[in-house]
N, C-alpha and C. Protein backbone atom coordinates (compact mmCIF):
# COMPACT_ATOMS: atom_id res chain seq x y z
N MET A 1 -14.14 -6.58 -11.33
CA MET A 1 -13.01 -6.57 -11.45
C MET A 1 -12.10 -7.23 -12.53
N LYS A 2 -11.23 -6.43 -13.11
CA LYS A 2 -10.31 -6.97 -14.13
C LYS A 2 -8.79 -7.05 -13.81
N ILE A 3 -8.07 -8.21 -13.80
CA ILE A 3 -6.81 -8.18 -13.41
C ILE A 3 -5.93 -8.32 -14.64
N LYS A 4 -4.80 -7.51 -14.48
CA LYS A 4 -3.79 -7.70 -15.50
C LYS A 4 -2.43 -8.02 -14.81
N TYR A 5 -1.78 -9.01 -15.35
CA TYR A 5 -0.64 -9.62 -14.61
C TYR A 5 0.63 -9.48 -15.43
N TYR A 6 1.60 -9.14 -14.74
CA TYR A 6 2.91 -8.84 -15.54
C TYR A 6 3.92 -9.49 -14.74
N GLU A 7 5.11 -9.79 -15.35
CA GLU A 7 6.31 -10.08 -14.61
C GLU A 7 7.38 -9.06 -14.62
N ASN A 8 7.99 -8.86 -13.49
CA ASN A 8 9.25 -8.00 -13.23
C ASN A 8 8.97 -6.54 -13.43
N ASP A 9 8.14 -5.97 -14.20
CA ASP A 9 7.91 -4.62 -14.47
C ASP A 9 6.47 -4.35 -15.00
N LEU A 10 6.22 -3.14 -14.97
CA LEU A 10 4.81 -2.72 -15.65
C LEU A 10 5.20 -2.40 -17.03
N PRO A 11 4.39 -2.55 -17.98
CA PRO A 11 4.44 -2.40 -19.39
C PRO A 11 4.78 -0.78 -19.66
N ASP A 12 5.51 -0.72 -20.82
CA ASP A 12 5.96 0.68 -21.08
C ASP A 12 4.70 1.53 -21.51
N ASN A 13 4.63 2.85 -21.03
CA ASN A 13 3.55 3.70 -21.63
C ASN A 13 2.25 3.36 -20.92
N LEU A 14 2.27 2.42 -19.90
CA LEU A 14 1.04 2.66 -19.00
C LEU A 14 0.96 3.75 -18.14
N ASN A 15 -0.24 4.39 -18.31
CA ASN A 15 -0.73 5.41 -17.67
C ASN A 15 -1.76 5.32 -16.57
N LEU A 16 -1.43 5.20 -15.42
CA LEU A 16 -2.46 4.91 -14.14
C LEU A 16 -3.04 6.16 -13.61
N GLY A 17 -2.61 7.17 -13.98
CA GLY A 17 -3.27 8.52 -13.39
C GLY A 17 -2.27 9.16 -12.18
N ASN A 18 -3.14 10.15 -11.84
CA ASN A 18 -2.13 10.75 -10.71
C ASN A 18 -2.50 10.36 -9.18
N ILE A 19 -3.40 9.36 -9.12
CA ILE A 19 -3.84 8.86 -7.76
C ILE A 19 -3.99 7.28 -7.95
N ILE A 20 -3.08 6.70 -7.35
CA ILE A 20 -2.76 5.25 -7.66
C ILE A 20 -2.74 4.43 -6.28
N ALA A 21 -3.56 3.20 -6.21
CA ALA A 21 -3.53 2.37 -4.93
C ALA A 21 -2.51 1.47 -5.09
N ILE A 22 -1.70 1.18 -4.14
CA ILE A 22 -0.58 0.32 -4.12
C ILE A 22 -0.53 -0.55 -2.86
N ASP A 23 -0.18 -1.85 -3.09
CA ASP A 23 0.03 -2.66 -2.02
C ASP A 23 1.15 -3.67 -2.54
N THR A 24 1.86 -4.39 -1.39
CA THR A 24 2.74 -5.54 -1.58
C THR A 24 2.38 -6.71 -1.11
N GLU A 25 3.00 -7.79 -1.70
CA GLU A 25 2.97 -8.93 -0.90
C GLU A 25 4.51 -9.46 -0.82
N THR A 26 4.80 -10.11 0.33
CA THR A 26 6.26 -10.46 0.57
C THR A 26 6.11 -11.97 1.23
N MET A 27 7.47 -12.44 1.28
CA MET A 27 7.55 -13.70 2.16
C MET A 27 7.46 -13.57 3.47
N GLY A 28 7.32 -12.59 4.02
CA GLY A 28 7.25 -12.27 5.48
C GLY A 28 7.29 -10.82 5.92
N LEU A 29 7.38 -10.39 7.13
CA LEU A 29 7.28 -9.09 7.70
C LEU A 29 8.69 -8.47 7.99
N ASN A 30 9.74 -9.06 7.56
CA ASN A 30 11.06 -8.66 7.77
C ASN A 30 11.86 -8.22 6.47
N PRO A 31 11.63 -6.97 6.18
CA PRO A 31 12.31 -6.60 4.88
C PRO A 31 13.91 -7.13 4.60
N TYR A 32 14.57 -7.17 5.66
CA TYR A 32 15.93 -7.67 5.70
C TYR A 32 16.09 -9.20 5.19
N ARG A 33 14.99 -9.88 5.50
CA ARG A 33 14.98 -11.27 5.40
C ARG A 33 13.98 -11.83 4.26
N ASP A 34 12.89 -11.29 4.28
CA ASP A 34 11.65 -11.62 3.50
C ASP A 34 11.49 -10.86 2.00
N ARG A 35 11.90 -11.52 1.18
CA ARG A 35 11.92 -10.67 -0.25
C ARG A 35 10.54 -10.16 -0.79
N LEU A 36 10.59 -9.09 -1.51
CA LEU A 36 9.22 -8.60 -2.11
C LEU A 36 8.98 -9.56 -3.28
N CYS A 37 7.67 -9.92 -3.46
CA CYS A 37 7.15 -10.75 -4.33
C CYS A 37 6.13 -10.34 -5.43
N LEU A 38 5.32 -9.47 -4.96
CA LEU A 38 4.27 -8.77 -5.86
C LEU A 38 4.01 -7.58 -5.38
N VAL A 39 3.83 -6.77 -6.56
CA VAL A 39 3.49 -5.09 -6.14
C VAL A 39 1.87 -5.17 -7.03
N GLN A 40 0.97 -4.60 -6.10
CA GLN A 40 -0.29 -4.26 -6.77
C GLN A 40 -0.63 -2.96 -7.11
N LEU A 41 -1.32 -2.66 -8.05
CA LEU A 41 -1.69 -1.28 -8.45
C LEU A 41 -3.09 -1.09 -9.02
N SER A 42 -3.68 0.02 -8.84
CA SER A 42 -4.91 0.24 -9.35
C SER A 42 -5.26 1.80 -9.45
N SER A 43 -5.76 2.15 -10.56
CA SER A 43 -6.12 3.61 -10.65
C SER A 43 -7.40 3.94 -10.09
N GLY A 44 -8.25 2.85 -9.66
CA GLY A 44 -9.52 3.15 -8.97
C GLY A 44 -10.71 2.86 -9.94
N ASN A 45 -10.32 2.30 -11.23
CA ASN A 45 -11.45 2.15 -12.27
C ASN A 45 -11.81 0.61 -12.44
N GLY A 46 -11.42 -0.08 -11.31
CA GLY A 46 -11.92 -1.48 -11.39
C GLY A 46 -10.73 -2.37 -12.03
N VAL A 47 -9.87 -1.80 -12.58
CA VAL A 47 -8.75 -2.87 -13.08
C VAL A 47 -7.52 -2.79 -12.20
N CYS A 48 -6.96 -3.91 -11.91
CA CYS A 48 -6.04 -4.35 -10.93
C CYS A 48 -4.71 -4.77 -11.49
N HIS A 49 -3.59 -4.13 -11.44
CA HIS A 49 -2.42 -4.65 -12.23
C HIS A 49 -1.54 -5.14 -11.29
N LEU A 50 -1.14 -6.49 -11.38
CA LEU A 50 -0.11 -7.15 -10.71
C LEU A 50 1.28 -7.52 -11.15
N VAL A 51 2.15 -7.04 -10.52
CA VAL A 51 3.62 -7.16 -11.03
C VAL A 51 4.25 -8.06 -10.29
N LYS A 52 4.44 -9.40 -10.59
CA LYS A 52 5.18 -10.42 -10.00
C LYS A 52 6.59 -10.04 -10.12
N ILE A 53 7.37 -10.06 -8.95
CA ILE A 53 8.83 -9.88 -8.93
C ILE A 53 9.58 -11.07 -8.97
N ILE A 54 9.77 -11.43 -9.88
CA ILE A 54 10.68 -12.97 -10.22
C ILE A 54 12.10 -12.89 -9.78
N ASP A 55 12.60 -11.67 -10.23
CA ASP A 55 14.06 -11.40 -10.06
C ASP A 55 14.40 -10.19 -9.36
N LEU A 56 14.64 -9.91 -8.15
CA LEU A 56 14.72 -8.72 -7.44
C LEU A 56 16.18 -7.95 -7.91
N LYS A 57 16.91 -8.65 -8.52
CA LYS A 57 18.35 -8.02 -9.22
C LYS A 57 17.82 -7.16 -10.47
N LYS A 58 16.74 -7.49 -11.06
CA LYS A 58 16.28 -6.90 -12.24
C LYS A 58 15.46 -5.73 -11.93
N LYS A 59 16.01 -4.60 -11.94
CA LYS A 59 15.28 -3.31 -11.49
C LYS A 59 14.10 -2.91 -12.42
N PRO A 60 12.82 -2.93 -11.95
CA PRO A 60 11.56 -2.60 -12.76
C PRO A 60 11.55 -0.96 -13.04
N LYS A 61 12.22 -0.71 -14.04
CA LYS A 61 12.35 0.91 -14.34
C LYS A 61 11.00 1.65 -14.41
N ASN A 62 10.04 0.78 -15.05
CA ASN A 62 8.70 1.56 -15.20
C ASN A 62 8.04 1.52 -13.84
N LEU A 63 8.11 0.60 -12.92
CA LEU A 63 7.50 0.59 -11.57
C LEU A 63 8.21 1.73 -10.69
N ILE A 64 9.50 1.72 -10.80
CA ILE A 64 10.42 2.62 -9.92
C ILE A 64 10.07 4.08 -10.31
N ALA A 65 9.84 4.22 -11.55
CA ALA A 65 9.62 5.76 -11.91
C ALA A 65 8.34 6.11 -11.57
N LEU A 66 7.43 5.17 -11.53
CA LEU A 66 6.14 5.56 -11.00
C LEU A 66 6.20 5.84 -9.56
N LEU A 67 6.84 5.05 -8.81
CA LEU A 67 6.97 5.23 -7.32
C LEU A 67 7.69 6.50 -6.90
N LYS A 68 8.78 6.89 -7.79
CA LYS A 68 9.59 8.01 -7.41
C LYS A 68 8.83 9.23 -7.99
N ASN A 69 7.80 9.30 -8.71
CA ASN A 69 7.04 10.29 -9.20
C ASN A 69 6.31 11.21 -8.20
N ASP A 70 6.83 12.37 -7.61
CA ASP A 70 6.39 12.97 -6.52
C ASP A 70 4.80 13.50 -6.81
N LYS A 71 4.59 13.98 -8.07
CA LYS A 71 3.14 14.33 -8.49
C LYS A 71 2.10 13.31 -8.49
N ILE A 72 2.38 12.10 -8.24
CA ILE A 72 1.48 10.95 -8.14
C ILE A 72 1.21 10.77 -6.61
N THR A 73 -0.12 10.86 -6.27
CA THR A 73 -0.47 10.27 -4.85
C THR A 73 -0.71 8.94 -4.82
N LYS A 74 0.09 8.26 -3.83
CA LYS A 74 0.06 6.65 -3.66
C LYS A 74 -0.62 6.53 -2.54
N ILE A 75 -1.74 5.72 -2.68
CA ILE A 75 -2.63 5.34 -1.35
C ILE A 75 -2.28 4.04 -1.15
N PHE A 76 -1.84 3.71 0.16
CA PHE A 76 -1.43 2.43 0.75
C PHE A 76 -2.55 2.18 1.93
N HIS A 77 -2.46 1.02 2.38
CA HIS A 77 -3.05 0.78 3.59
C HIS A 77 -2.20 0.12 4.53
N PHE A 78 -1.71 0.73 5.55
CA PHE A 78 -0.47 0.56 6.39
C PHE A 78 0.72 0.81 5.50
N ALA A 79 0.85 2.11 5.09
CA ALA A 79 2.00 2.48 4.27
C ALA A 79 3.30 2.24 4.91
N ARG A 80 3.46 2.21 6.06
CA ARG A 80 4.70 1.76 6.94
C ARG A 80 5.27 0.60 6.61
N PHE A 81 4.49 -0.25 6.29
CA PHE A 81 5.21 -1.44 5.73
C PHE A 81 5.63 -1.44 4.34
N ASP A 82 4.54 -1.16 3.55
CA ASP A 82 4.78 -1.27 2.11
C ASP A 82 5.93 -0.23 1.73
N VAL A 83 5.92 0.90 2.12
CA VAL A 83 6.84 1.80 1.81
C VAL A 83 8.39 1.37 2.26
N ALA A 84 8.31 0.70 3.36
CA ALA A 84 9.79 0.30 3.92
C ALA A 84 10.25 -0.77 3.08
N VAL A 85 9.38 -1.79 2.66
CA VAL A 85 9.65 -2.73 1.81
C VAL A 85 10.24 -2.28 0.53
N LEU A 86 9.63 -1.34 -0.16
CA LEU A 86 9.76 -0.78 -1.47
C LEU A 86 10.99 -0.11 -1.35
N LYS A 87 11.24 0.73 -0.35
CA LYS A 87 12.42 1.44 -0.16
C LYS A 87 13.74 0.68 -0.05
N PHE A 88 13.43 -0.36 0.77
CA PHE A 88 14.55 -1.37 0.99
C PHE A 88 14.96 -2.13 -0.38
N SER A 89 14.10 -2.56 -0.94
CA SER A 89 14.16 -3.34 -2.10
C SER A 89 14.85 -2.69 -3.49
N TYR A 90 14.46 -1.34 -3.51
CA TYR A 90 14.81 -0.57 -4.55
C TYR A 90 15.65 0.73 -4.39
N ASN A 91 15.79 0.90 -3.08
CA ASN A 91 16.72 2.01 -2.85
C ASN A 91 16.16 3.33 -3.19
N ILE A 92 14.74 3.55 -2.95
CA ILE A 92 14.01 4.67 -3.41
C ILE A 92 13.19 5.35 -2.30
N ASN A 93 13.30 6.56 -2.43
CA ASN A 93 12.24 7.50 -1.46
C ASN A 93 10.92 7.72 -2.19
N ILE A 94 9.96 7.32 -1.19
CA ILE A 94 8.40 7.49 -1.95
C ILE A 94 7.94 8.75 -1.21
N LYS A 95 7.35 9.60 -2.06
CA LYS A 95 6.68 10.63 -1.38
C LYS A 95 5.08 10.87 -1.78
N ASN A 96 4.72 11.70 -1.17
CA ASN A 96 3.15 12.00 -1.65
C ASN A 96 2.41 10.77 -1.34
N ILE A 97 2.41 10.43 -0.02
CA ILE A 97 1.68 9.21 0.63
C ILE A 97 0.37 9.36 1.25
N TYR A 98 -0.53 8.51 0.94
CA TYR A 98 -1.77 8.56 1.79
C TYR A 98 -2.12 7.19 2.32
N CYS A 99 -2.25 7.01 3.74
CA CYS A 99 -2.17 5.92 4.30
C CYS A 99 -3.76 5.65 4.76
N THR A 100 -4.50 4.76 4.30
CA THR A 100 -6.06 4.60 4.85
C THR A 100 -5.86 4.28 6.23
N LYS A 101 -5.00 3.44 6.89
CA LYS A 101 -4.87 3.05 8.07
C LYS A 101 -4.70 4.23 9.07
N ILE A 102 -3.79 5.04 8.73
CA ILE A 102 -3.56 6.25 9.55
C ILE A 102 -4.86 7.09 9.45
N ALA A 103 -5.33 7.30 8.34
CA ALA A 103 -6.62 8.15 8.26
C ALA A 103 -7.68 7.72 9.03
N SER A 104 -7.67 6.27 9.03
CA SER A 104 -8.72 5.75 9.75
C SER A 104 -8.70 5.84 11.27
N LYS A 105 -7.40 5.68 11.79
CA LYS A 105 -7.05 5.84 13.18
C LYS A 105 -7.34 7.43 13.62
N ILE A 106 -7.08 8.33 12.82
CA ILE A 106 -7.35 9.71 13.19
C ILE A 106 -8.80 9.98 13.10
N ALA A 107 -9.50 9.39 12.06
CA ALA A 107 -10.86 9.99 11.70
C ALA A 107 -11.97 9.08 12.57
N ARG A 108 -11.73 7.88 12.68
CA ARG A 108 -12.57 6.97 13.12
C ARG A 108 -12.37 6.57 14.75
N THR A 109 -12.16 7.58 15.45
CA THR A 109 -11.68 7.36 16.99
C THR A 109 -12.92 6.50 17.86
N TYR A 110 -13.83 6.24 17.14
CA TYR A 110 -14.88 5.44 18.02
C TYR A 110 -14.83 3.94 17.96
N THR A 111 -13.76 3.64 17.31
CA THR A 111 -13.41 2.13 17.04
C THR A 111 -12.06 1.84 17.06
N ASP A 112 -11.63 0.66 17.38
CA ASP A 112 -10.36 0.28 17.35
C ASP A 112 -10.20 -0.87 16.04
N ARG A 113 -11.09 -1.01 15.20
CA ARG A 113 -11.00 -1.95 14.06
C ARG A 113 -10.51 -1.00 12.80
N HIS A 114 -9.51 -1.03 12.56
CA HIS A 114 -8.93 0.02 11.51
C HIS A 114 -8.13 -0.98 10.19
N GLY A 115 -8.47 -2.28 10.20
CA GLY A 115 -8.09 -3.03 9.04
C GLY A 115 -8.72 -2.82 7.79
N TYR A 116 -8.09 -3.15 6.70
CA TYR A 116 -8.58 -3.12 5.33
C TYR A 116 -10.12 -3.67 5.29
N LYS A 117 -10.13 -4.89 5.81
CA LYS A 117 -11.57 -5.69 5.75
C LYS A 117 -12.47 -4.86 6.58
N ASP A 118 -12.08 -4.34 7.75
CA ASP A 118 -13.08 -3.59 8.56
C ASP A 118 -13.47 -2.39 7.73
N LEU A 119 -12.52 -1.56 7.22
CA LEU A 119 -13.03 -0.39 6.23
C LEU A 119 -13.95 -0.85 5.20
N CYS A 120 -13.45 -1.73 4.49
CA CYS A 120 -14.43 -2.17 3.31
C CYS A 120 -15.82 -2.57 3.88
N LYS A 121 -15.94 -3.01 4.92
CA LYS A 121 -17.36 -3.49 5.59
C LYS A 121 -18.15 -2.30 5.91
N GLU A 122 -17.42 -1.48 6.76
CA GLU A 122 -18.13 -0.35 7.24
C GLU A 122 -18.41 0.76 6.18
N LEU A 123 -17.26 1.04 5.62
CA LEU A 123 -17.46 2.24 4.65
C LEU A 123 -18.07 2.04 3.48
N LEU A 124 -17.77 0.93 2.74
CA LEU A 124 -18.36 0.64 1.54
C LEU A 124 -19.44 -0.60 1.44
N ASN A 125 -19.61 -1.17 2.69
CA ASN A 125 -20.44 -2.15 2.72
C ASN A 125 -20.28 -3.27 1.91
N LYS A 126 -18.92 -3.74 1.85
CA LYS A 126 -18.35 -4.77 1.06
C LYS A 126 -17.67 -5.63 1.86
N SER A 127 -17.72 -7.08 1.86
CA SER A 127 -17.28 -8.09 2.56
C SER A 127 -16.13 -8.73 1.66
N ILE A 128 -14.94 -8.69 2.12
CA ILE A 128 -13.70 -9.30 1.51
C ILE A 128 -13.19 -10.39 2.34
N SER A 129 -12.45 -11.30 1.68
CA SER A 129 -11.79 -12.52 2.38
C SER A 129 -10.47 -12.18 2.48
N LYS A 130 -9.76 -12.46 3.63
CA LYS A 130 -8.35 -12.55 3.80
C LYS A 130 -7.44 -13.82 4.00
N VAL A 131 -8.24 -14.87 3.31
CA VAL A 131 -7.84 -16.18 3.61
C VAL A 131 -6.48 -16.48 2.83
N GLU A 132 -6.10 -15.67 1.86
CA GLU A 132 -4.74 -15.97 1.02
C GLU A 132 -3.71 -15.07 1.76
N GLN A 133 -4.09 -14.31 2.69
CA GLN A 133 -3.03 -13.28 3.35
C GLN A 133 -1.78 -13.95 3.60
N THR A 134 -1.64 -15.19 4.28
CA THR A 134 -0.51 -15.84 4.81
C THR A 134 -0.24 -16.98 3.70
N SER A 135 -0.39 -16.76 2.51
CA SER A 135 0.02 -18.13 1.67
C SER A 135 1.31 -17.66 1.14
N ASP A 136 2.00 -18.55 0.29
CA ASP A 136 3.25 -18.57 -0.12
C ASP A 136 3.13 -17.65 -1.47
N TRP A 137 3.80 -16.48 -1.46
CA TRP A 137 3.68 -15.69 -2.47
C TRP A 137 4.70 -15.64 -3.42
N GLY A 138 5.84 -16.55 -3.02
CA GLY A 138 7.06 -16.64 -3.84
C GLY A 138 7.09 -17.58 -4.96
N SER A 139 6.05 -18.48 -5.09
CA SER A 139 5.77 -19.42 -6.19
C SER A 139 4.86 -18.86 -7.19
N THR A 140 4.77 -19.75 -8.14
CA THR A 140 3.64 -19.27 -9.23
C THR A 140 2.30 -19.09 -8.42
N LEU A 141 1.73 -17.78 -8.83
CA LEU A 141 0.41 -17.44 -8.34
C LEU A 141 -0.91 -18.19 -8.67
N SER A 142 -1.71 -18.70 -7.63
CA SER A 142 -2.98 -19.16 -8.00
C SER A 142 -4.05 -18.28 -8.42
N LYS A 143 -5.12 -18.57 -8.99
CA LYS A 143 -6.14 -17.73 -9.32
C LYS A 143 -6.66 -17.00 -8.04
N ASP A 144 -6.66 -17.91 -7.00
CA ASP A 144 -7.27 -17.21 -5.81
C ASP A 144 -6.37 -16.28 -5.00
N GLN A 145 -5.06 -16.42 -5.29
CA GLN A 145 -3.91 -15.52 -4.94
C GLN A 145 -4.15 -14.19 -5.61
N LYS A 146 -4.28 -14.36 -6.91
CA LYS A 146 -4.26 -13.12 -7.96
C LYS A 146 -5.64 -12.33 -7.43
N HIS A 147 -6.61 -13.10 -7.26
CA HIS A 147 -7.93 -12.30 -6.87
C HIS A 147 -7.84 -11.51 -5.49
N TYR A 148 -7.22 -12.35 -4.53
CA TYR A 148 -6.97 -11.68 -3.17
C TYR A 148 -6.05 -10.44 -3.34
N ALA A 149 -4.93 -10.38 -4.13
CA ALA A 149 -3.88 -9.45 -4.23
C ALA A 149 -4.62 -8.13 -4.80
N ALA A 150 -5.40 -8.49 -5.94
CA ALA A 150 -6.26 -7.46 -6.63
C ALA A 150 -7.09 -6.65 -5.80
N THR A 151 -7.59 -7.48 -5.00
CA THR A 151 -8.79 -6.82 -4.07
C THR A 151 -8.22 -5.95 -2.98
N ASP A 152 -6.95 -6.13 -2.54
CA ASP A 152 -6.37 -5.27 -1.80
C ASP A 152 -6.15 -3.88 -2.23
N VAL A 153 -6.24 -3.60 -3.43
CA VAL A 153 -6.18 -2.36 -4.03
C VAL A 153 -7.42 -1.78 -4.54
N LEU A 154 -8.43 -2.53 -4.81
CA LEU A 154 -9.47 -2.40 -5.55
C LEU A 154 -10.24 -1.39 -5.09
N HIS A 155 -10.44 -1.30 -3.51
CA HIS A 155 -11.35 -0.31 -2.92
C HIS A 155 -10.46 0.87 -2.23
N LEU A 156 -9.30 0.91 -2.42
CA LEU A 156 -8.63 1.95 -1.45
C LEU A 156 -9.05 3.43 -1.95
N HIS A 157 -9.38 3.57 -3.26
CA HIS A 157 -9.78 5.09 -3.67
C HIS A 157 -10.97 5.38 -2.97
N LYS A 158 -12.02 4.46 -3.11
CA LYS A 158 -13.31 4.76 -2.46
C LYS A 158 -13.18 5.01 -0.87
N ILE A 159 -12.33 4.07 -0.30
CA ILE A 159 -12.08 4.33 1.20
C ILE A 159 -11.46 5.65 1.45
N LYS A 160 -10.56 6.12 0.67
CA LYS A 160 -10.06 7.38 0.68
C LYS A 160 -10.99 8.43 0.65
N GLU A 161 -11.95 8.36 -0.37
CA GLU A 161 -12.81 9.42 -0.41
C GLU A 161 -13.76 9.48 0.69
N LYS A 162 -14.16 8.39 1.58
CA LYS A 162 -14.89 8.28 2.71
C LYS A 162 -14.12 8.97 3.95
N LEU A 163 -12.95 8.51 3.91
CA LEU A 163 -12.36 9.09 5.00
C LEU A 163 -11.83 10.42 5.09
N ASP A 164 -11.51 10.99 3.84
CA ASP A 164 -11.30 12.30 3.58
C ASP A 164 -12.56 13.23 4.21
N ILE A 165 -13.92 12.66 3.73
CA ILE A 165 -15.00 13.34 4.54
C ILE A 165 -15.00 13.38 5.83
N MET A 166 -14.65 12.34 6.50
CA MET A 166 -14.68 12.25 7.94
C MET A 166 -13.54 13.20 8.40
N LEU A 167 -12.44 13.10 7.79
CA LEU A 167 -11.07 13.81 8.38
C LEU A 167 -11.58 15.52 8.63
N LYS A 168 -12.23 15.72 7.29
CA LYS A 168 -12.59 17.28 7.06
C LYS A 168 -13.65 17.58 8.20
N ARG A 169 -14.51 16.65 8.39
CA ARG A 169 -15.82 16.96 9.35
C ARG A 169 -15.22 17.04 10.79
N GLU A 170 -14.16 16.40 11.14
CA GLU A 170 -13.52 16.48 12.57
C GLU A 170 -12.29 17.40 12.53
N ASN A 171 -12.07 18.15 11.52
CA ASN A 171 -11.19 19.13 11.44
C ASN A 171 -9.71 18.66 11.83
N ARG A 172 -9.50 17.18 11.14
CA ARG A 172 -8.08 16.64 11.20
C ARG A 172 -7.48 16.36 10.20
N THR A 173 -7.73 16.91 8.96
CA THR A 173 -7.17 16.65 7.75
C THR A 173 -5.67 17.34 7.82
N ASN A 174 -5.36 18.44 8.41
CA ASN A 174 -4.07 18.60 8.51
C ASN A 174 -3.21 17.86 9.25
N LEU A 175 -3.71 17.29 10.26
CA LEU A 175 -2.99 16.28 11.23
C LEU A 175 -2.76 15.04 10.49
N ALA A 176 -3.69 14.70 9.85
CA ALA A 176 -3.42 13.35 9.04
C ALA A 176 -2.39 13.55 7.94
N GLN A 177 -2.42 14.57 7.30
CA GLN A 177 -1.56 14.96 6.31
C GLN A 177 -0.07 14.83 6.85
N ALA A 178 0.01 15.56 8.03
CA ALA A 178 1.39 15.65 8.71
C ALA A 178 1.89 14.27 8.90
N CYS A 179 1.18 13.34 9.28
CA CYS A 179 1.29 11.87 9.69
C CYS A 179 1.78 11.12 8.41
N PHE A 180 1.01 11.49 7.11
CA PHE A 180 1.35 10.91 5.94
C PHE A 180 2.89 11.38 5.52
N ASN A 181 3.08 12.63 5.73
CA ASN A 181 4.37 13.09 5.50
C ASN A 181 5.63 12.37 6.20
N PHE A 182 5.02 12.02 7.46
CA PHE A 182 6.21 11.37 8.50
C PHE A 182 6.58 10.01 8.04
N VAL A 183 5.67 9.41 7.18
CA VAL A 183 5.60 7.87 6.89
C VAL A 183 7.33 7.84 6.39
N ALA A 184 7.76 8.73 5.37
CA ALA A 184 8.93 8.49 4.84
C ALA A 184 10.04 8.46 5.79
N TYR A 185 9.90 9.22 6.91
CA TYR A 185 10.91 9.15 8.20
C TYR A 185 10.68 8.06 9.00
N ARG A 186 9.60 7.67 9.21
CA ARG A 186 9.24 6.45 10.00
C ARG A 186 9.67 5.18 9.60
N THR A 187 9.74 5.09 8.10
CA THR A 187 10.29 3.92 7.52
C THR A 187 11.86 3.91 7.61
N ASP A 188 12.31 5.16 7.59
CA ASP A 188 13.96 5.21 7.70
C ASP A 188 14.24 4.82 9.17
N LEU A 189 13.44 5.13 10.11
CA LEU A 189 13.55 4.62 11.46
C LEU A 189 13.57 3.04 11.58
N ASP A 190 12.61 2.67 10.90
CA ASP A 190 12.39 1.04 11.01
C ASP A 190 13.39 0.42 10.34
N LEU A 191 14.07 0.79 9.10
CA LEU A 191 15.09 0.17 8.51
C LEU A 191 16.44 0.57 9.23
N GLY A 192 16.41 1.57 9.93
CA GLY A 192 17.58 2.00 10.74
C GLY A 192 17.70 1.22 12.08
N GLY A 193 16.83 0.45 12.46
CA GLY A 193 16.81 -0.27 13.78
C GLY A 193 16.06 0.38 14.82
N TRP A 194 15.18 1.20 14.77
CA TRP A 194 14.31 1.79 15.65
C TRP A 194 12.88 1.37 15.64
N GLN A 195 12.50 -0.03 15.08
CA GLN A 195 11.31 -0.45 14.75
C GLN A 195 10.39 -0.40 16.08
N GLU A 196 10.84 -0.77 17.12
CA GLU A 196 10.11 -0.97 18.49
C GLU A 196 10.22 0.17 19.32
N ILE A 197 11.16 1.15 19.04
CA ILE A 197 11.37 2.23 19.90
C ILE A 197 10.77 3.46 19.56
N ASP A 198 10.04 4.00 20.70
CA ASP A 198 9.25 5.22 20.48
C ASP A 198 10.22 6.31 20.82
N ILE A 199 10.48 7.14 19.78
CA ILE A 199 11.65 8.18 19.89
C ILE A 199 11.08 9.41 20.56
N PHE A 200 9.62 9.54 20.67
CA PHE A 200 9.17 10.58 21.42
C PHE A 200 8.86 10.26 23.01
N LYS A 201 9.08 9.24 23.29
CA LYS A 201 8.91 8.96 24.64
C LYS A 201 9.98 9.39 25.55
N HIS A 202 9.71 9.77 26.89
CA HIS A 202 10.60 10.35 27.59
C HIS A 202 11.85 9.41 28.04
């Protein structure tokens, strides 16, 4: 794995292709309170790009252009959180979403273990550490933090490939796609105050 580190934005003219794995690190789980600190991206080639958000007032034009590009498929794990944070931070709508957590829940109904670590272990036979998950992402990043953050996008392309095979086998591809499409609206509900409310419940 190779890590490339930037501050506040991606460099100009960086082409990461049409299918990009994306993750975020924040100061907590409340977008209204906890600021965005880091955005990780990978094109699936073993190179991970880390964008440290030092100043939220400084809009990352290259990163935003990538996120708003509907022709690019964005692979997330638990897209509901990352998309909401990015939407709140930059006032953007992200489309063409693929969520490996949703895909796993629809395809892997034989288990309740749908975390990124679980998928890496079962589908790719790779063991990863989550030790740095709850560390302070607002300060200068350590080597361990950078490695952890990069690892969170390193395997998403291969996980997607495995899950796509399972979804097709179980005839649930269309169902998964409908759920991916709904993420944009689910995050609107989250940011609008319906985080814990099931609007489909009687």
